[in-house]
Amino acid sequence: MNANEKSLNTFATRVRQMILQYEAQRKENDELYTLVDQRDREITQLQQELAQAHADYNTLKMAKMLEITDGDMETAQKRVAKLIRDVNKCITLLSEK
């Protein structure tokens, strides 16, 4: 083999190696893009779940506040009824005198 043929063979071998490395890098790149897309979908789903959880929490918090308000309302009604009875007793006592 002369020097030119040897150089050509070396060049061809290196080009083949570069092509193989390029294919390997392209395959790895495709896998990484697939992984990134999968993660993006997962992140989007988790964000939606988080937004739903926040909405559910706010709804439950509002329901709890209304529940407490209803309980307070019942207590307040009982107190008003007791005060009315006390006032009626006082009026009865005053009218007897």
PDB file of N, CA and C in Angstrom:
ATOM      1  N   MET A   1       0.831  -1.170   0.000  1.00  0.00           N
ATOM      2  CA  MET A   1       0.000   0.000   0.000  1.00  0.00           C
ATOM      3  C   MET A   1       0.879   1.237   0.000  1.00  0.00           C
ATOM      4  N   ASN A   2       0.464   2.150  -0.817  1.00  0.00           N
ATOM      5  CA  ASN A   2       1.249   3.380  -0.794  1.00  0.00           C
ATOM      6  C   ASN A   2       0.648   4.341   0.224  1.00  0.00           C
ATOM      7  N   ALA A   3       1.252   5.447   0.389  1.00  0.00           N
ATOM      8  CA  ALA A   3       0.869   6.416   1.425  1.00  0.00           C
ATOM      9  C   ALA A   3      -0.521   6.972   1.178  1.00  0.00           C
ATOM     10  N   ASN A   4      -0.878   7.186  -0.086  1.00  0.00           N
ATOM     11  CA  ASN A   4      -2.207   7.738  -0.397  1.00  0.00           C
ATOM     12  C   ASN A   4      -3.314   6.754  -0.023  1.00  0.00           C
ATOM     13  N   GLU A   5      -3.114   5.478  -0.360  1.00  0.00           N
ATOM     14  CA  GLU A   5      -4.119   4.469  -0.029  1.00  0.00           C
ATOM     15  C   GLU A   5      -4.259   4.314   1.487  1.00  0.00           C
ATOM     16  N   LYS A   6      -3.136   4.361   2.159  1.00  0.00           N
ATOM     17  CA  LYS A   6      -3.159   4.262   3.613  1.00  0.00           C
ATOM     18  C   LYS A   6      -3.898   5.452   4.219  1.00  0.00           C
ATOM     19  N   SER A   7      -3.642   6.641   3.719  1.00  0.00           N
ATOM     20  CA  SER A   7      -4.322   7.848   4.195  1.00  0.00           C
ATOM     21  C   SER A   7      -5.812   7.759   3.905  1.00  0.00           C
ATOM     22  N   LEU A   8      -6.169   7.272   2.712  1.00  0.00           N
ATOM     23  CA  LEU A   8      -7.581   7.123   2.355  1.00  0.00           C
ATOM     24  C   LEU A   8      -8.272   6.116   3.263  1.00  0.00           C
ATOM     25  N   ASN A   9      -7.637   5.016   3.537  1.00  0.00           N
ATOM     26  CA  ASN A   9      -8.218   4.006   4.437  1.00  0.00           C
ATOM     27  C   ASN A   9      -8.403   4.567   5.853  1.00  0.00           C
ATOM     28  N   THR A  10      -7.399   5.280   6.319  1.00  0.00           N
ATOM     29  CA  THR A  10      -7.492   5.894   7.643  1.00  0.00           C
ATOM     30  C   THR A  10      -8.639   6.908   7.669  1.00  0.00           C
ATOM     31  N   PHE A  11      -8.729   7.723   6.616  1.00  0.00           N
ATOM     32  CA  PHE A  11      -9.793   8.712   6.522  1.00  0.00           C
ATOM     33  C   PHE A  11     -11.164   8.030   6.482  1.00  0.00           C
ATOM     34  N   ALA A  12     -11.318   6.998   5.699  1.00  0.00           N
ATOM     35  CA  ALA A  12     -12.588   6.283   5.584  1.00  0.00           C
ATOM     36  C   ALA A  12     -12.968   5.647   6.922  1.00  0.00           C
ATOM     37  N   THR A  13     -11.976   5.088   7.605  1.00  0.00           N
ATOM     38  CA  THR A  13     -12.245   4.483   8.909  1.00  0.00           C
ATOM     39  C   THR A  13     -12.719   5.531   9.904  1.00  0.00           C
ATOM     40  N   ARG A  14     -12.076   6.664   9.912  1.00  0.00           N
ATOM     41  CA  ARG A  14     -12.474   7.725  10.837  1.00  0.00           C
ATOM     42  C   ARG A  14     -13.843   8.303  10.496  1.00  0.00           C
ATOM     43  N   VAL A  15     -14.133   8.400   9.218  1.00  0.00           N
ATOM     44  CA  VAL A  15     -15.456   8.877   8.811  1.00  0.00           C
ATOM     45  C   VAL A  15     -16.522   7.891   9.285  1.00  0.00           C
ATOM     46  N   ARG A  16     -16.273   6.583   9.118  1.00  0.00           N
ATOM     47  CA  ARG A  16     -17.222   5.567   9.598  1.00  0.00           C
ATOM     48  C   ARG A  16     -17.396   5.668  11.119  1.00  0.00           C
ATOM     49  N   GLN A  17     -16.292   5.871  11.825  1.00  0.00           N
ATOM     50  CA  GLN A  17     -16.370   6.015  13.281  1.00  0.00           C
ATOM     51  C   GLN A  17     -17.197   7.251  13.663  1.00  0.00           C
ATOM     52  N   MET A  18     -16.977   8.342  12.926  1.00  0.00           N
ATOM     53  CA  MET A  18     -17.749   9.556  13.188  1.00  0.00           C
ATOM     54  C   MET A  18     -19.231   9.335  12.905  1.00  0.00           C
ATOM     55  N   ILE A  19     -19.533   8.608  11.836  1.00  0.00           N
ATOM     56  CA  ILE A  19     -20.927   8.320  11.508  1.00  0.00           C
ATOM     57  C   ILE A  19     -21.561   7.477  12.609  1.00  0.00           C
ATOM     58  N   LEU A  20     -20.824   6.474  13.096  1.00  0.00           N
ATOM     59  CA  LEU A  20     -21.339   5.639  14.190  1.00  0.00           C
ATOM     60  C   LEU A  20     -21.549   6.463  15.460  1.00  0.00           C
ATOM     61  N   GLN A  21     -20.599   7.332  15.778  1.00  0.00           N
ATOM     62  CA  GLN A  21     -20.746   8.194  16.945  1.00  0.00           C
ATOM     63  C   GLN A  21     -21.926   9.146  16.764  1.00  0.00           C
ATOM     64  N   TYR A  22     -22.096   9.669  15.539  1.00  0.00           N
ATOM     65  CA  TYR A  22     -23.215  10.554  15.261  1.00  0.00           C
ATOM     66  C   TYR A  22     -24.537   9.822  15.474  1.00  0.00           C
ATOM     67  N   GLU A  23     -24.643   8.606  14.972  1.00  0.00           N
ATOM     68  CA  GLU A  23     -25.867   7.813  15.139  1.00  0.00           C
ATOM     69  C   GLU A  23     -26.142   7.547  16.626  1.00  0.00           C
ATOM     70  N   ALA A  24     -25.071   7.219  17.361  1.00  0.00           N
ATOM     71  CA  ALA A  24     -25.240   6.967  18.797  1.00  0.00           C
ATOM     72  C   ALA A  24     -25.707   8.239  19.513  1.00  0.00           C
ATOM     73  N   GLN A  25     -25.106   9.368  19.165  1.00  0.00           N
ATOM     74  CA  GLN A  25     -25.502  10.637  19.781  1.00  0.00           C
ATOM     75  C   GLN A  25     -26.935  11.015  19.404  1.00  0.00           C
ATOM     76  N   ARG A  26     -27.301  10.762  18.153  1.00  0.00           N
ATOM     77  CA  ARG A  26     -28.657  11.062  17.719  1.00  0.00           C
ATOM     78  C   ARG A  26     -29.671  10.194  18.452  1.00  0.00           C
ATOM     79  N   LYS A  27     -29.341   8.925  18.635  1.00  0.00           N
ATOM     80  CA  LYS A  27     -30.231   8.018  19.368  1.00  0.00           C
ATOM     81  C   LYS A  27     -30.373   8.484  20.817  1.00  0.00           C
ATOM     82  N   GLU A  28     -29.249   8.812  21.449  1.00  0.00           N
ATOM     83  CA  GLU A  28     -29.286   9.298  22.822  1.00  0.00           C
ATOM     84  C   GLU A  28     -30.081  10.601  22.912  1.00  0.00           C
ATOM     85  N   ASN A  29     -29.911  11.478  21.947  1.00  0.00           N
ATOM     86  CA  ASN A  29     -30.633  12.744  21.906  1.00  0.00           C
ATOM     87  C   ASN A  29     -32.142  12.501  21.788  1.00  0.00           C
ATOM     88  N   ASP A  30     -32.530  11.574  20.919  1.00  0.00           N
ATOM     89  CA  ASP A  30     -33.952  11.233  20.774  1.00  0.00           C
ATOM     90  C   ASP A  30     -34.526  10.684  22.083  1.00  0.00           C
ATOM     91  N   GLU A  31     -33.753   9.826  22.749  1.00  0.00           N
ATOM     92  CA  GLU A  31     -34.199   9.275  24.032  1.00  0.00           C
ATOM     93  C   GLU A  31     -34.363  10.383  25.074  1.00  0.00           C
ATOM     94  N   LEU A  32     -33.416  11.321  25.077  1.00  0.00           N
ATOM     95  CA  LEU A  32     -33.497  12.424  26.027  1.00  0.00           C
ATOM     96  C   LEU A  32     -34.689  13.326  25.735  1.00  0.00           C
ATOM     97  N   TYR A  33     -34.944  13.593  24.454  1.00  0.00           N
ATOM     98  CA  TYR A  33     -36.119  14.395  24.105  1.00  0.00           C
ATOM     99  C   TYR A  33     -37.402  13.687  24.521  1.00  0.00           C
ATOM    100  N   THR A  34     -37.454  12.385  24.338  1.00  0.00           N
ATOM    101  CA  THR A  34     -38.618  11.612  24.761  1.00  0.00           C
ATOM    102  C   THR A  34     -38.784  11.710  26.273  1.00  0.00           C
ATOM    103  N   LEU A  35     -37.687  11.588  26.994  1.00  0.00           N
ATOM    104  CA  LEU A  35     -37.722  11.693  28.450  1.00  0.00           C
ATOM    105  C   LEU A  35     -38.184  13.082  28.889  1.00  0.00           C
ATOM    106  N   VAL A  36     -37.692  14.118  28.225  1.00  0.00           N
ATOM    107  CA  VAL A  36     -38.091  15.492  28.563  1.00  0.00           C
ATOM    108  C   VAL A  36     -39.584  15.683  28.286  1.00  0.00           C
ATOM    109  N   ASP A  37     -40.061  15.179  27.153  1.00  0.00           N
ATOM    110  CA  ASP A  37     -41.491  15.286  26.838  1.00  0.00           C
ATOM    111  C   ASP A  37     -42.333  14.572  27.891  1.00  0.00           C
ATOM    112  N   GLN A  38     -41.877  13.398  28.298  1.00  0.00           N
ATOM    113  CA  GLN A  38     -42.597  12.642  29.330  1.00  0.00           C
ATOM    114  C   GLN A  38     -42.621  13.432  30.632  1.00  0.00           C
ATOM    115  N   ARG A  39     -41.510  14.015  31.014  1.00  0.00           N
ATOM    116  CA  ARG A  39     -41.439  14.811  32.249  1.00  0.00           C
ATOM    117  C   ARG A  39     -42.350  16.036  32.144  1.00  0.00           C
ATOM    118  N   ASP A  40     -42.367  16.676  30.959  1.00  0.00           N
ATOM    119  CA  ASP A  40     -43.235  17.836  30.774  1.00  0.00           C
ATOM    120  C   ASP A  40     -44.702  17.457  30.950  1.00  0.00           C
ATOM    121  N   ARG A  41     -45.100  16.312  30.398  1.00  0.00           N
ATOM    122  CA  ARG A  41     -46.484  15.852  30.563  1.00  0.00           C
ATOM    123  C   ARG A  41     -46.771  15.570  32.036  1.00  0.00           C
ATOM    124  N   GLU A  42     -45.802  14.956  32.703  1.00  0.00           N
ATOM    125  CA  GLU A  42     -45.969  14.645  34.126  1.00  0.00           C
ATOM    126  C   GLU A  42     -46.083  15.928  34.951  1.00  0.00           C
ATOM    127  N   ILE A  43     -45.262  16.907  34.638  1.00  0.00           N
ATOM    128  CA  ILE A  43     -45.303  18.189  35.346  1.00  0.00           C
ATOM    129  C   ILE A  43     -46.646  18.870  35.119  1.00  0.00           C
ATOM    130  N   THR A  44     -47.123  18.850  33.882  1.00  0.00           N
ATOM    131  CA  THR A  44     -48.417  19.456  33.579  1.00  0.00           C
ATOM    132  C   THR A  44     -49.531  18.771  34.361  1.00  0.00           C
ATOM    133  N   GLN A  45     -49.497  17.445  34.404  1.00  0.00           N
ATOM    134  CA  GLN A  45     -50.505  16.691  35.145  1.00  0.00           C
ATOM    135  C   GLN A  45     -50.437  17.038  36.631  1.00  0.00           C
ATOM    136  N   LEU A  46     -49.229  17.100  37.185  1.00  0.00           N
ATOM    137  CA  LEU A  46     -49.080  17.421  38.606  1.00  0.00           C
ATOM    138  C   LEU A  46     -49.534  18.844  38.908  1.00  0.00           C
ATOM    139  N   GLN A  47     -49.285  19.766  37.974  1.00  0.00           N
ATOM    140  CA  GLN A  47     -49.751  21.131  38.172  1.00  0.00           C
ATOM    141  C   GLN A  47     -51.274  21.185  38.176  1.00  0.00           C
ATOM    142  N   GLN A  48     -51.896  20.408  37.296  1.00  0.00           N
ATOM    143  CA  GLN A  48     -53.357  20.359  37.273  1.00  0.00           C
ATOM    144  C   GLN A  48     -53.890  19.755  38.568  1.00  0.00           C
ATOM    145  N   GLU A  49     -53.248  18.698  39.041  1.00  0.00           N
ATOM    146  CA  GLU A  49     -53.668  18.083  40.296  1.00  0.00           C
ATOM    147  C   GLU A  49     -53.501  19.058  41.463  1.00  0.00           C
ATOM    148  N   LEU A  50     -52.412  19.821  41.444  1.00  0.00           N
ATOM    149  CA  LEU A  50     -52.181  20.810  42.498  1.00  0.00           C
ATOM    150  C   LEU A  50     -53.247  21.901  42.459  1.00  0.00           C
ATOM    151  N   ALA A  51     -53.575  22.375  41.257  1.00  0.00           N
ATOM    152  CA  ALA A  51     -54.616  23.393  41.133  1.00  0.00           C
ATOM    153  C   ALA A  51     -55.946  22.844  41.632  1.00  0.00           C
ATOM    154  N   GLN A  52     -56.248  21.592  41.303  1.00  0.00           N
ATOM    155  CA  GLN A  52     -57.491  20.972  41.775  1.00  0.00           C
ATOM    156  C   GLN A  52     -57.480  20.828  43.291  1.00  0.00           C
ATOM    157  N   ALA A  53     -56.320  20.453  43.843  1.00  0.00           N
ATOM    158  CA  ALA A  53     -56.207  20.310  45.302  1.00  0.00           C
ATOM    159  C   ALA A  53     -56.416  21.668  45.981  1.00  0.00           C
ATOM    160  N   HIS A  54     -55.862  22.735  45.402  1.00  0.00           N
ATOM    161  CA  HIS A  54     -56.068  24.072  45.965  1.00  0.00           C
ATOM    162  C   HIS A  54     -57.549  24.444  45.921  1.00  0.00           C
ATOM    163  N   ALA A  55     -58.191  24.150  44.796  1.00  0.00           N
ATOM    164  CA  ALA A  55     -59.620  24.466  44.668  1.00  0.00           C
ATOM    165  C   ALA A  55     -60.431  23.667  45.690  1.00  0.00           C
ATOM    166  N   ASP A  56     -60.103  22.377  45.832  1.00  0.00           N
ATOM    167  CA  ASP A  56     -60.804  21.541  46.812  1.00  0.00           C
ATOM    168  C   ASP A  56     -60.582  22.063  48.231  1.00  0.00           C
ATOM    169  N   TYR A  57     -59.357  22.455  48.512  1.00  0.00           N
ATOM    170  CA  TYR A  57     -59.035  22.981  49.843  1.00  0.00           C
ATOM    171  C   TYR A  57     -59.840  24.246  50.130  1.00  0.00           C
ATOM    172  N   ASN A  58     -59.875  25.155  49.139  1.00  0.00           N
ATOM    173  CA  ASN A  58     -60.629  26.394  49.342  1.00  0.00           C
ATOM    174  C   ASN A  58     -62.118  26.110  49.525  1.00  0.00           C
ATOM    175  N   THR A  59     -62.636  25.134  48.782  1.00  0.00           N
ATOM    176  CA  THR A  59     -64.041  24.769  48.926  1.00  0.00           C
ATOM    177  C   THR A  59     -64.301  24.194  50.309  1.00  0.00           C
ATOM    178  N   LEU A  60     -63.429  23.309  50.763  1.00  0.00           N
ATOM    179  CA  LEU A  60     -63.589  22.735  52.098  1.00  0.00           C
ATOM    180  C   LEU A  60     -63.454  23.795  53.191  1.00  0.00           C
ATOM    181  N   LYS A  61     -62.520  24.710  52.985  1.00  0.00           N
ATOM    182  CA  LYS A  61     -62.335  25.777  53.966  1.00  0.00           C
ATOM    183  C   LYS A  61     -63.598  26.640  54.042  1.00  0.00           C
ATOM    184  N   MET A  62     -64.170  26.951  52.890  1.00  0.00           N
ATOM    185  CA  MET A  62     -65.397  27.748  52.868  1.00  0.00           C
ATOM    186  C   MET A  62     -66.542  26.974  53.530  1.00  0.00           C
ATOM    187  N   ALA A  63     -66.638  25.668  53.245  1.00  0.00           N
ATOM    188  CA  ALA A  63     -67.683  24.851  53.860  1.00  0.00           C
ATOM    189  C   ALA A  63     -67.510  24.821  55.374  1.00  0.00           C
ATOM    190  N   LYS A  64     -66.287  24.717  55.831  1.00  0.00           N
ATOM    191  CA  LYS A  64     -66.017  24.700  57.275  1.00  0.00           C
ATOM    192  C   LYS A  64     -66.408  26.040  57.901  1.00  0.00           C
ATOM    193  N   MET A  65     -66.108  27.125  57.188  1.00  0.00           N
ATOM    194  CA  MET A  65     -66.477  28.440  57.712  1.00  0.00           C
ATOM    195  C   MET A  65     -67.999  28.567  57.791  1.00  0.00           C
ATOM    196  N   LEU A  66     -68.693  28.058  56.791  1.00  0.00           N
ATOM    197  CA  LEU A  66     -70.156  28.100  56.829  1.00  0.00           C
ATOM    198  C   LEU A  66     -70.699  27.221  57.940  1.00  0.00           C
ATOM    199  N   GLU A  67     -70.064  26.078  58.140  1.00  0.00           N
ATOM    200  CA  GLU A  67     -70.481  25.172  59.219  1.00  0.00           C
ATOM    201  C   GLU A  67     -70.332  25.858  60.563  1.00  0.00           C
ATOM    202  N   ILE A  68     -69.213  26.513  60.739  1.00  0.00           N
ATOM    203  CA  ILE A  68     -68.973  27.234  61.987  1.00  0.00           C
ATOM    204  C   ILE A  68     -69.991  28.358  62.124  1.00  0.00           C
ATOM    205  N   THR A  69     -70.261  29.051  61.044  1.00  0.00           N
ATOM    206  CA  THR A  69     -71.227  30.138  61.069  1.00  0.00           C
ATOM    207  C   THR A  69     -72.599  29.607  61.436  1.00  0.00           C
ATOM    208  N   ASP A  70     -72.993  28.460  60.883  1.00  0.00           N
ATOM    209  CA  ASP A  70     -74.277  27.864  61.231  1.00  0.00           C
ATOM    210  C   ASP A  70     -74.322  27.509  62.714  1.00  0.00           C
ATOM    211  N   GLY A  71     -73.262  26.960  63.232  1.00  0.00           N
ATOM    212  CA  GLY A  71     -73.185  26.635  64.658  1.00  0.00           C
ATOM    213  C   GLY A  71     -73.268  27.882  65.502  1.00  0.00           C
ATOM    214  N   ASP A  72     -72.563  28.919  65.085  1.00  0.00           N
ATOM    215  CA  ASP A  72     -72.613  30.184  65.806  1.00  0.00           C
ATOM    216  C   ASP A  72     -74.017  30.781  65.739  1.00  0.00           C
ATOM    217  N   MET A  73     -74.656  30.613  64.598  1.00  0.00           N
ATOM    218  CA  MET A  73     -75.997  31.140  64.426  1.00  0.00           C
ATOM    219  C   MET A  73     -76.962  30.452  65.386  1.00  0.00           C
ATOM    220  N   GLU A  74     -76.825  29.152  65.500  1.00  0.00           N
ATOM    221  CA  GLU A  74     -77.686  28.394  66.411  1.00  0.00           C
ATOM    222  C   GLU A  74     -77.457  28.844  67.855  1.00  0.00           C
ATOM    223  N   THR A  75     -76.206  28.993  68.228  1.00  0.00           N
ATOM    224  CA  THR A  75     -75.868  29.450  69.572  1.00  0.00           C
ATOM    225  C   THR A  75     -76.419  30.851  69.814  1.00  0.00           C
ATOM    226  N   ALA A  76     -76.260  31.712  68.805  1.00  0.00           N
ATOM    227  CA  ALA A  76     -76.759  33.083  68.941  1.00  0.00           C
ATOM    228  C   ALA A  76     -78.274  33.090  69.092  1.00  0.00           C
ATOM    229  N   GLN A  77     -78.968  32.245  68.326  1.00  0.00           N
ATOM    230  CA  GLN A  77     -80.427  32.173  68.436  1.00  0.00           C
ATOM    231  C   GLN A  77     -80.843  31.716  69.835  1.00  0.00           C
ATOM    232  N   LYS A  78     -80.122  30.751  70.372  1.00  0.00           N
ATOM    233  CA  LYS A  78     -80.430  30.281  71.727  1.00  0.00           C
ATOM    234  C   LYS A  78     -80.214  31.386  72.751  1.00  0.00           C
ATOM    235  N   ARG A  79     -79.134  32.147  72.584  1.00  0.00           N
ATOM    236  CA  ARG A  79     -78.854  33.241  73.515  1.00  0.00           C
ATOM    237  C   ARG A  79     -79.919  34.328  73.422  1.00  0.00           C
ATOM    238  N   VAL A  80     -80.342  34.643  72.188  1.00  0.00           N
ATOM    239  CA  VAL A  80     -81.380  35.656  72.013  1.00  0.00           C
ATOM    240  C   VAL A  80     -82.689  35.173  72.644  1.00  0.00           C
ATOM    241  N   ALA A  81     -83.017  33.903  72.418  1.00  0.00           N
ATOM    242  CA  ALA A  81     -84.238  33.357  73.013  1.00  0.00           C
ATOM    243  C   ALA A  81     -84.174  33.441  74.537  1.00  0.00           C
ATOM    244  N   LYS A  82     -83.020  33.155  75.131  1.00  0.00           N
ATOM    245  CA  LYS A  82     -82.856  33.236  76.586  1.00  0.00           C
ATOM    246  C   LYS A  82     -82.998  34.672  77.063  1.00  0.00           C
ATOM    247  N   LEU A  83     -82.398  35.609  76.317  1.00  0.00           N
ATOM    248  CA  LEU A  83     -82.528  37.015  76.683  1.00  0.00           C
ATOM    249  C   LEU A  83     -83.983  37.467  76.610  1.00  0.00           C
ATOM    250  N   ILE A  84     -84.713  37.017  75.596  1.00  0.00           N
ATOM    251  CA  ILE A  84     -86.128  37.367  75.473  1.00  0.00           C
ATOM    252  C   ILE A  84     -86.914  36.824  76.658  1.00  0.00           C
ATOM    253  N   ARG A  85     -86.637  35.593  77.052  1.00  0.00           N
ATOM    254  CA  ARG A  85     -87.311  35.019  78.221  1.00  0.00           C
ATOM    255  C   ARG A  85     -87.005  35.846  79.473  1.00  0.00           C
ATOM    256  N   ASP A  86     -85.718  36.234  79.624  1.00  0.00           N
ATOM    257  CA  ASP A  86     -85.344  37.052  80.781  1.00  0.00           C
ATOM    258  C   ASP A  86     -86.075  38.390  80.770  1.00  0.00           C
ATOM    259  N   VAL A  87     -86.163  39.019  79.605  1.00  0.00           N
ATOM    260  CA  VAL A  87     -86.859  40.306  79.498  1.00  0.00           C
ATOM    261  C   VAL A  87     -88.338  40.112  79.816  1.00  0.00           C
ATOM    262  N   ASN A  88     -88.927  39.035  79.289  1.00  0.00           N
ATOM    263  CA  ASN A  88     -90.339  38.756  79.592  1.00  0.00           C
ATOM    264  C   ASN A  88     -90.555  38.553  81.094  1.00  0.00           C
ATOM    265  N   LYS A  89     -89.627  37.872  81.743  1.00  0.00           N
ATOM    266  CA  LYS A  89     -89.727  37.688  83.195  1.00  0.00           C
ATOM    267  C   LYS A  89     -89.678  39.037  83.899  1.00  0.00           C
ATOM    268  N   CYS A  90     -88.760  39.881  83.440  1.00  0.00           N
ATOM    269  CA  CYS A  90     -88.633  41.211  84.050  1.00  0.00           C
ATOM    270  C   CYS A  90     -89.903  42.026  83.837  1.00  0.00           C
ATOM    271  N   ILE A  91     -90.465  41.965  82.649  1.00  0.00           N
ATOM    272  CA  ILE A  91     -91.699  42.697  82.362  1.00  0.00           C
ATOM    273  C   ILE A  91     -92.852  42.171  83.246  1.00  0.00           C
ATOM    274  N   THR A  92     -92.902  40.844  83.385  1.00  0.00           N
ATOM    275  CA  THR A  92     -93.931  40.258  84.228  1.00  0.00           C
ATOM    276  C   THR A  92     -93.762  40.716  85.676  1.00  0.00           C
ATOM    277  N   LEU A  93     -92.554  40.702  86.167  1.00  0.00           N
ATOM    278  CA  LEU A  93     -92.313  41.146  87.544  1.00  0.00           C
ATOM    279  C   LEU A  93     -92.663  42.621  87.715  1.00  0.00           C
ATOM    280  N   LEU A  94     -92.316  43.447  86.742  1.00  0.00           N
ATOM    281  CA  LEU A  94     -92.612  44.879  86.835  1.00  0.00           C
ATOM    282  C   LEU A  94     -94.124  45.148  86.739  1.00  0.00           C
ATOM    283  N   SER A  95     -94.801  44.402  85.924  1.00  0.00           N
ATOM    284  CA  SER A  95     -96.249  44.626  85.758  1.00  0.00           C
ATOM    285  C   SER A  95     -97.009  44.131  86.975  1.00  0.00           C
ATOM    286  N   GLU A  96     -96.460  43.205  87.743  1.00  0.00           N
ATOM    287  CA  GLU A  96     -97.116  42.741  88.955  1.00  0.00           C
ATOM    288  C   GLU A  96     -97.050  43.791  90.043  1.00  0.00           C
ATOM    289  N   LYS A  97     -96.054  44.628  90.016  1.00  0.00           N
ATOM    290  CA  LYS A  97     -95.880  45.640  91.059  1.00  0.00           C
ATOM    291  C   LYS A  97     -96.704  46.801  90.796  1.00  0.00           C
TER     292      LYS A  97
END
